[in-house]
Protein backbone atom coordinates (compact mmCIF):
# COMPACT_ATOMS: atom_id res chain seq x y z
CA MET A 1 58.20 247.66 188.18
CA THR A 2 57.37 249.98 185.30
CA LEU A 3 58.82 248.98 181.92
CA ARG A 4 59.87 251.68 179.46
CA VAL A 5 58.48 251.05 175.98
CA VAL A 6 58.97 252.48 172.47
CA GLU A 7 56.19 252.02 169.92
CA TRP A 8 57.55 251.41 166.41
CA SER A 9 54.97 252.76 163.89
CA THR A 10 51.52 254.28 164.27
CA GLY A 11 49.55 252.61 161.49
CA THR A 12 46.48 250.39 161.69
CA VAL A 13 47.99 248.26 164.49
CA GLY A 14 50.42 250.75 166.02
CA ARG A 15 47.83 253.36 166.93
CA HIS A 16 46.01 250.74 169.03
CA ALA A 17 49.30 249.63 170.58
CA ILE A 18 49.89 253.18 171.80
CA ALA A 19 46.45 253.18 173.44
CA GLY A 20 47.20 249.81 175.01
CA ILE A 21 50.59 250.85 176.35
CA ASP A 22 48.98 253.95 177.85
CA ALA A 23 46.28 251.79 179.47
CA ARG A 24 48.68 249.46 181.27
CA PRO A 25 49.93 250.80 184.63
CA ASP A 26 53.13 248.74 184.37
CA LEU A 27 54.22 250.26 181.03
CA GLU A 28 55.54 253.74 180.22
CA LEU A 29 55.60 255.01 176.64
CA VAL A 30 58.93 256.81 176.16
CA GLY A 31 59.22 257.04 172.38
CA VAL A 32 57.40 256.59 169.08
CA TRP A 33 58.91 255.94 165.64
CA VAL A 34 57.12 256.93 162.42
CA SER A 35 58.05 256.56 158.75
CA ASP A 36 55.71 259.32 157.54
CA LEU A 37 57.40 262.72 157.69
CA ALA A 38 53.97 264.33 158.20
CA LYS A 39 53.75 262.57 161.57
CA VAL A 40 57.15 263.67 162.87
CA GLY A 41 56.77 266.08 165.79
CA ARG A 42 53.17 265.14 166.52
CA ASP A 43 52.11 263.83 169.93
CA ALA A 44 51.55 260.10 170.32
CA GLY A 45 48.11 260.67 171.83
CA GLU A 46 47.03 262.56 168.74
CA LEU A 47 48.38 259.87 166.40
CA ALA A 48 46.54 257.20 168.40
CA GLY A 49 43.28 259.16 168.29
CA LEU A 50 43.07 259.37 172.08
CA GLY A 51 41.85 262.96 172.11
CA ARG A 52 44.61 264.00 174.50
CA ASP A 53 48.37 264.41 174.47
CA LEU A 54 50.69 261.86 176.07
CA GLY A 55 53.73 264.10 176.12
CA VAL A 56 55.67 261.82 173.76
CA VAL A 57 56.51 263.26 170.34
CA ALA A 58 56.91 261.00 167.28
CA THR A 59 60.24 260.88 165.47
CA ASN A 60 61.88 259.15 162.53
CA ASP A 61 65.27 259.25 164.28
CA ARG A 62 66.02 255.57 164.80
CA ASP A 63 69.29 256.15 166.67
CA ALA A 64 67.66 258.56 169.12
CA LEU A 65 65.07 255.97 170.08
CA ILE A 66 67.65 253.23 170.53
CA ALA A 67 69.69 255.63 172.67
CA LEU A 68 66.71 255.82 175.06
CA LYS A 69 67.56 252.21 176.01
CA PRO A 70 63.92 251.16 176.48
CA ASP A 71 63.13 247.83 178.07
CA CYS A 72 61.10 246.84 175.02
CA ILE A 73 60.11 247.93 171.51
CA VAL A 74 56.55 247.14 170.43
CA HIS A 75 57.15 246.77 166.69
CA THR A 76 54.05 246.99 164.48
CA ALA A 77 55.54 248.34 161.25
CA MET A 78 54.53 246.80 157.92
CA THR A 79 56.80 243.83 157.13
CA ASP A 80 54.90 241.79 154.53
CA ASP A 81 56.67 243.54 151.63
CA ARG A 82 60.16 243.73 153.26
CA ILE A 83 60.55 240.52 155.22
CA PHE A 84 64.33 240.19 155.38
CA GLU A 85 64.95 243.91 155.83
CA ALA A 86 62.53 243.82 158.76
CA ILE A 87 64.32 240.81 160.27
CA ASP A 88 67.56 242.80 160.07
CA ASP A 89 65.84 245.65 161.95
CA LEU A 90 64.65 243.33 164.70
CA ILE A 91 68.07 241.72 165.04
CA SER A 92 69.67 245.15 165.44
CA PHE A 93 67.26 246.06 168.24
CA VAL A 94 67.90 242.83 170.15
CA GLU A 95 71.66 243.14 169.63
CA ALA A 96 71.44 246.62 171.16
CA GLY A 97 69.98 245.08 174.32
CA ILE A 98 66.32 245.92 173.66
CA ASN A 99 63.62 243.28 173.97
CA VAL A 100 61.14 243.24 171.09
CA VAL A 101 57.54 242.13 170.60
CA SER A 102 56.54 242.37 166.95
CA SER A 103 53.59 241.68 164.68
CA GLY A 104 55.90 240.51 161.92
CA PRO A 105 57.45 239.10 159.90
CA VAL A 106 55.00 236.35 160.81
CA VAL A 107 57.41 233.61 159.80
CA LEU A 108 59.27 234.37 163.05
CA GLN A 109 56.28 233.17 165.05
CA PHE A 110 57.88 229.71 164.77
CA PRO A 111 60.54 229.71 162.04
CA ALA A 112 62.12 226.29 162.59
CA GLY A 113 62.06 224.38 159.32
CA ILE A 114 61.22 227.49 157.31
CA LEU A 115 64.05 229.99 157.62
CA ASP A 116 67.70 229.28 156.90
CA VAL A 117 69.60 227.98 159.92
CA ASP A 118 72.25 230.68 159.51
CA LEU A 119 69.58 233.39 159.90
CA LEU A 120 68.18 231.72 163.01
CA ASP A 121 71.71 231.52 164.41
CA ARG A 122 72.07 235.29 163.82
CA ILE A 123 68.94 235.94 165.86
CA GLU A 124 70.12 233.73 168.70
CA ALA A 125 73.58 235.33 168.65
CA ALA A 126 71.99 238.79 168.81
CA GLY A 127 69.99 237.67 171.82
CA ARG A 128 73.11 236.50 173.61
CA THR A 129 75.00 239.70 172.73
CA GLY A 130 72.25 242.00 173.92
CA ASN A 131 70.79 239.71 176.60
CA ALA A 132 67.41 240.45 175.03
CA SER A 133 64.48 238.52 173.58
CA LEU A 134 62.39 238.67 170.40
CA HIS A 135 58.79 237.48 170.23
CA VAL A 136 56.64 237.69 167.09
CA ASN A 137 52.92 237.14 167.51
CA GLY A 138 49.49 238.64 167.04
CA ILE A 139 46.16 237.02 166.32
CA ASP A 140 46.74 235.09 163.04
CA PRO A 141 49.47 233.94 162.98
CA GLY A 142 49.26 234.20 166.73
CA PHE A 143 46.87 233.57 169.60
CA ALA A 144 43.98 232.25 167.47
CA ASN A 145 46.14 229.46 166.11
CA ASP A 146 48.79 228.82 168.73
CA VAL A 147 47.77 229.37 172.38
CA LEU A 148 44.01 228.89 171.89
CA PRO A 149 44.04 225.58 169.96
CA LEU A 150 46.82 224.09 172.06
CA ALA A 151 44.89 224.95 175.22
CA MET A 152 41.86 223.15 173.78
CA THR A 153 43.88 220.03 173.02
CA SER A 154 44.53 219.73 176.75
CA LEU A 155 40.96 218.36 176.91
CA SER A 156 41.54 215.67 174.27
CA GLN A 157 41.80 211.95 174.75
CA ARG A 158 42.68 211.34 171.07
CA ILE A 159 43.42 213.85 168.30
CA ASP A 160 42.76 212.81 164.71
CA GLU A 161 43.00 216.29 163.22
CA LEU A 162 43.50 219.83 164.53
CA ARG A 163 42.14 222.48 162.16
CA CYS A 164 42.36 226.26 162.71
CA LEU A 165 40.19 228.47 160.51
CA GLU A 166 39.86 232.18 159.87
CA ILE A 167 36.52 233.03 158.27
CA ALA A 168 36.30 236.72 157.47
CA ASP A 169 35.00 239.49 155.27
CA TYR A 170 37.98 241.72 154.41
CA SER A 171 35.99 244.55 152.81
CA THR A 172 36.83 246.95 155.66
CA TYR A 173 40.43 245.75 156.11
CA TYR A 174 42.69 248.66 155.17
CA GLN A 175 45.96 247.24 153.85
CA PRO A 176 46.15 248.06 150.10
CA VAL A 177 49.49 246.31 149.55
CA VAL A 178 48.31 243.14 151.28
CA MET A 179 44.90 243.11 149.63
CA LYS A 180 45.93 243.92 146.06
CA THR A 181 49.54 242.87 145.61
CA ILE A 182 49.90 239.97 148.04
CA PHE A 183 46.40 238.42 148.06
CA GLY A 184 45.55 239.53 144.51
CA PHE A 185 42.05 240.88 145.13
CA GLY A 186 40.83 242.90 142.14
CA GLN A 187 43.48 241.39 139.88
CA PRO A 188 42.82 239.28 136.75
CA MET A 189 42.14 235.62 137.38
CA ASP A 190 44.88 234.59 134.95
CA GLU A 191 47.49 236.35 137.09
CA THR A 192 49.04 234.59 140.09
CA PRO A 193 49.29 236.80 143.21
CA ILE A 194 52.40 236.63 145.36
CA LEU A 195 50.60 234.68 148.07
CA LEU A 196 49.91 231.78 145.70
CA TYR A 197 53.39 231.29 144.32
CA PRO A 198 54.49 227.78 145.33
CA GLY A 199 55.86 227.78 148.87
CA VAL A 200 54.63 231.23 149.91
CA LEU A 201 51.58 230.00 151.83
CA ALA A 202 53.79 227.51 153.65
CA MET A 203 56.21 230.32 154.50
CA GLY A 204 53.46 232.69 155.66
CA TRP A 205 51.43 230.23 157.74
CA GLY A 206 53.67 227.19 157.94
CA SER A 207 54.97 228.56 161.22
CA VAL A 208 51.47 228.01 162.64
CA VAL A 209 51.29 224.42 161.49
CA ARG A 210 54.81 223.63 162.67
CA GLN A 211 54.31 225.22 166.08
CA LEU A 212 51.07 223.31 166.67
CA ALA A 213 52.82 220.10 165.65
CA ALA A 214 55.69 220.88 168.03
CA GLY A 215 53.20 221.55 170.82
CA LEU A 216 51.59 218.18 170.15
CA GLY A 217 54.89 216.33 169.79
CA VAL A 218 54.22 215.38 166.15
CA ARG A 219 56.82 215.03 163.38
CA LEU A 220 55.29 216.20 160.10
CA ASP A 221 55.89 214.95 156.57
CA GLU A 222 57.93 217.34 154.42
CA PRO A 223 57.14 219.53 152.65
CA LEU A 224 53.92 221.01 153.98
CA VAL A 225 50.97 220.76 151.59
CA GLU A 226 49.31 223.85 150.08
CA ARG A 227 45.80 223.97 148.63
CA HIS A 228 43.80 226.95 147.39
CA GLU A 229 40.63 228.00 145.59
CA ARG A 230 40.07 231.40 143.98
CA VAL A 231 36.67 232.89 143.16
CA ALA A 232 35.96 235.61 140.58
CA ALA A 233 33.65 238.53 141.33
CA ASP A 234 30.09 238.06 140.05
CA ARG A 235 29.72 241.86 139.96
CA ASP A 236 31.71 244.97 140.84
CA TYR A 237 32.68 245.35 144.51
CA SER A 238 34.33 248.17 146.42
CA THR A 239 36.46 247.72 149.54
CA VAL A 240 38.42 250.25 151.59
CA SER A 241 41.67 248.90 150.11
CA VAL A 242 40.88 248.00 146.50
CA ASP A 243 38.07 248.14 143.93
CA ILE A 244 37.15 244.73 142.55
CA ALA A 245 35.74 244.61 139.03
CA GLU A 246 33.44 241.85 137.85
CA GLY A 247 35.50 238.87 136.72
CA THR A 248 38.57 239.72 138.82
CA MET A 249 39.56 237.87 141.98
CA ALA A 250 37.14 238.51 144.85
CA ALA A 251 37.48 235.63 147.31
CA LEU A 252 40.13 233.15 148.39
CA HIS A 253 40.16 229.87 150.29
CA PHE A 254 43.51 228.33 151.18
CA GLU A 255 44.92 225.61 153.38
CA VAL A 256 48.40 224.89 154.74
CA ILE A 257 48.48 221.25 155.80
CA GLY A 258 50.80 219.29 158.00
CA GLN A 259 50.51 215.58 157.25
CA VAL A 260 51.75 212.50 159.07
CA GLY A 261 52.12 209.44 156.86
CA GLY A 262 50.15 211.23 154.13
CA VAL A 263 47.17 211.96 156.41
CA ASP A 264 46.10 215.53 157.24
CA ARG A 265 46.76 216.10 160.96
CA VAL A 266 47.36 219.85 161.51
CA VAL A 267 45.66 222.34 159.18
CA LEU A 268 45.61 226.14 158.92
CA GLU A 269 42.69 227.28 156.77
CA HIS A 270 41.38 230.67 155.62
CA TYR A 271 38.08 231.61 153.97
CA THR A 272 38.49 235.22 152.86
CA ARG A 273 35.63 237.14 151.29
CA THR A 274 35.56 240.77 150.16
CA HIS A 275 31.78 241.01 150.62
CA PRO A 276 29.56 238.99 152.99
CA ASP A 277 27.29 237.85 150.13
CA GLN A 278 30.08 236.02 148.30
CA CYS A 279 30.50 232.22 148.26
CA PRO A 280 27.34 231.27 150.20
CA ASP A 281 28.47 227.62 150.25
CA TRP A 282 31.60 228.47 152.24
CA PRO A 283 31.53 228.36 156.07
CA LYS A 284 30.25 231.50 157.75
CA PRO A 285 30.70 232.81 161.29
CA ALA A 286 27.93 231.94 163.71
CA GLU A 287 27.57 235.68 164.21
CA GLY A 288 29.14 238.82 162.75
CA ASP A 289 31.43 239.12 159.74
CA GLY A 290 34.50 237.33 161.02
CA CYS A 291 35.64 234.59 163.37
CA TYR A 292 38.36 232.13 164.24
CA ARG A 293 37.17 228.54 164.53
CA ILE A 294 39.06 225.65 166.09
CA LEU A 295 37.97 222.14 165.04
CA ILE A 296 39.43 219.18 166.88
CA SER A 297 38.48 215.79 165.44
CA GLY A 298 38.99 212.81 167.69
CA GLU A 299 37.72 211.89 171.14
CA PRO A 300 35.92 214.03 171.99
CA GLU A 301 34.97 216.15 168.95
CA MET A 302 35.38 219.83 169.89
CA THR A 303 34.60 223.16 168.23
CA VAL A 304 35.52 226.59 169.53
CA GLU A 305 34.37 229.78 167.79
CA PHE A 306 36.18 232.98 168.72
CA THR A 307 34.59 236.21 167.50
CA HIS A 308 35.47 239.82 168.18
CA ARG A 309 34.09 243.24 167.34
CA GLY A 310 35.03 246.81 168.14
CA GLU A 311 32.87 249.16 170.18
CA HIS A 312 31.53 250.48 166.89
CA GLY A 313 30.90 247.02 165.46
CA ASP A 314 33.66 246.52 162.88
CA HIS A 315 35.57 243.26 163.20
CA ASN A 316 38.53 244.45 161.13
CA VAL A 317 39.11 247.33 163.58
CA SER A 318 38.89 244.98 166.53
CA GLY A 319 41.24 242.63 164.67
CA MET A 320 43.86 245.37 164.75
CA ILE A 321 43.17 245.95 168.46
CA ILE A 322 43.57 242.31 169.47
CA THR A 323 46.72 242.02 167.37
CA ALA A 324 48.18 245.06 169.13
CA MET A 325 47.13 243.93 172.59
CA ARG A 326 48.51 240.42 172.25
CA LEU A 327 51.88 242.16 171.80
CA VAL A 328 51.44 244.86 174.44
CA ASN A 329 50.20 242.41 177.05
CA SER A 330 53.18 240.13 176.32
CA VAL A 331 55.83 242.77 177.03
CA ALA A 332 56.53 241.84 180.64
CA ALA A 333 56.72 238.11 179.88
CA VAL A 334 59.10 238.69 176.97
CA VAL A 335 61.33 241.00 179.03
CA ASP A 336 61.60 238.19 181.60
CA ALA A 337 62.16 235.46 178.98
CA LYS A 338 65.40 233.79 177.95
CA PRO A 339 67.52 235.71 175.41
CA GLY A 340 66.95 235.07 171.71
CA LEU A 341 63.84 234.07 169.81
CA VAL A 342 60.88 233.28 172.06
CA THR A 343 57.72 231.53 170.83
CA ALA A 344 54.32 231.09 172.44
CA LEU A 345 55.51 227.68 173.62
CA ASP A 346 58.15 229.44 175.75
CA LEU A 347 55.98 232.02 177.50
CA PRO A 348 53.88 231.70 180.66
CA PRO A 349 50.17 232.62 180.44
CA VAL A 350 49.75 236.17 179.17
CA THR A 351 46.76 238.08 180.55
CA GLY A 352 45.20 241.53 180.57
CA ARG A 353 46.54 242.19 184.05
CA GLY A 354 45.93 245.80 185.06
CA LEU A 355 43.33 246.45 182.36
CA VAL A 356 40.11 245.87 184.30
CA ALA A 357 38.04 249.06 183.97
CA ARG A 358 37.93 251.29 186.99
CA PRO A 359 34.99 253.47 188.09
């Protein structure tokens, strides 16, 4: 059965989602939403850089797209700076009977213990009203720190600590709001960026820690623990999102920790550089400029390193692709899922079915 899909936004993730929807034989792109008036009326194939038209014209008419009654919306719009407004959008889609896979807000990856119960009840009520499901995922938060580490723990005899790391150079990551305003890169060291206000790290990545704990059947101490380390630039740097002057913030290491009895048991950790030469004492990928690393301490000790790169070599581009495709490839499973909020713990294995290259 072919599922009718609307792509919601055509930015750094959305353009790759369009290409992915087009590549899957079981999906049909029937609509595209854009916020930029300059994109209205342009073909989806052009916006995705496919070099050919798809016969679907972008619009900013929200009601017209909902009236199409698609089976699913692939939602990749920016949500980091409008979390609760975005949640309202997603609820309205589900209430209208449209299943949704979304890259954010990431707190919805596993919001239990983070979001207000009344808000979670609204999502579940919308699911019952529309008989539709909502799944928020991607790569981080997402596959790299939910499905992948939990699959690895199936090999464990004893688990002392589960640690999920992102180690990456963000110099080619184009998200100016995220890089400058949220992370604080290029900002004075005596200013606190939004990400490092107390509780924000636990809101942004606590869903990862809590979902892993739920998958392992562990009850965590409350609240989650946050740790961070900021590093000033030793010289001027330039990235695609922000210029970083000497002495301003250039690198960030943070942890969100789930403890049991005061002992670290489930940890989400990021080492974020804005140039590969920074912080030589920090962990580095075994190859390339970025990786996800799973460390399982116990019996046996296990390490998994997951790297990715685009056809042209840039890991930040491929990071957008794998984020998009985790959503696109989940569409059928989410359409078949129970109504309401669906997490990775609820879904069957998601694969790249239908994507094997043909002669």
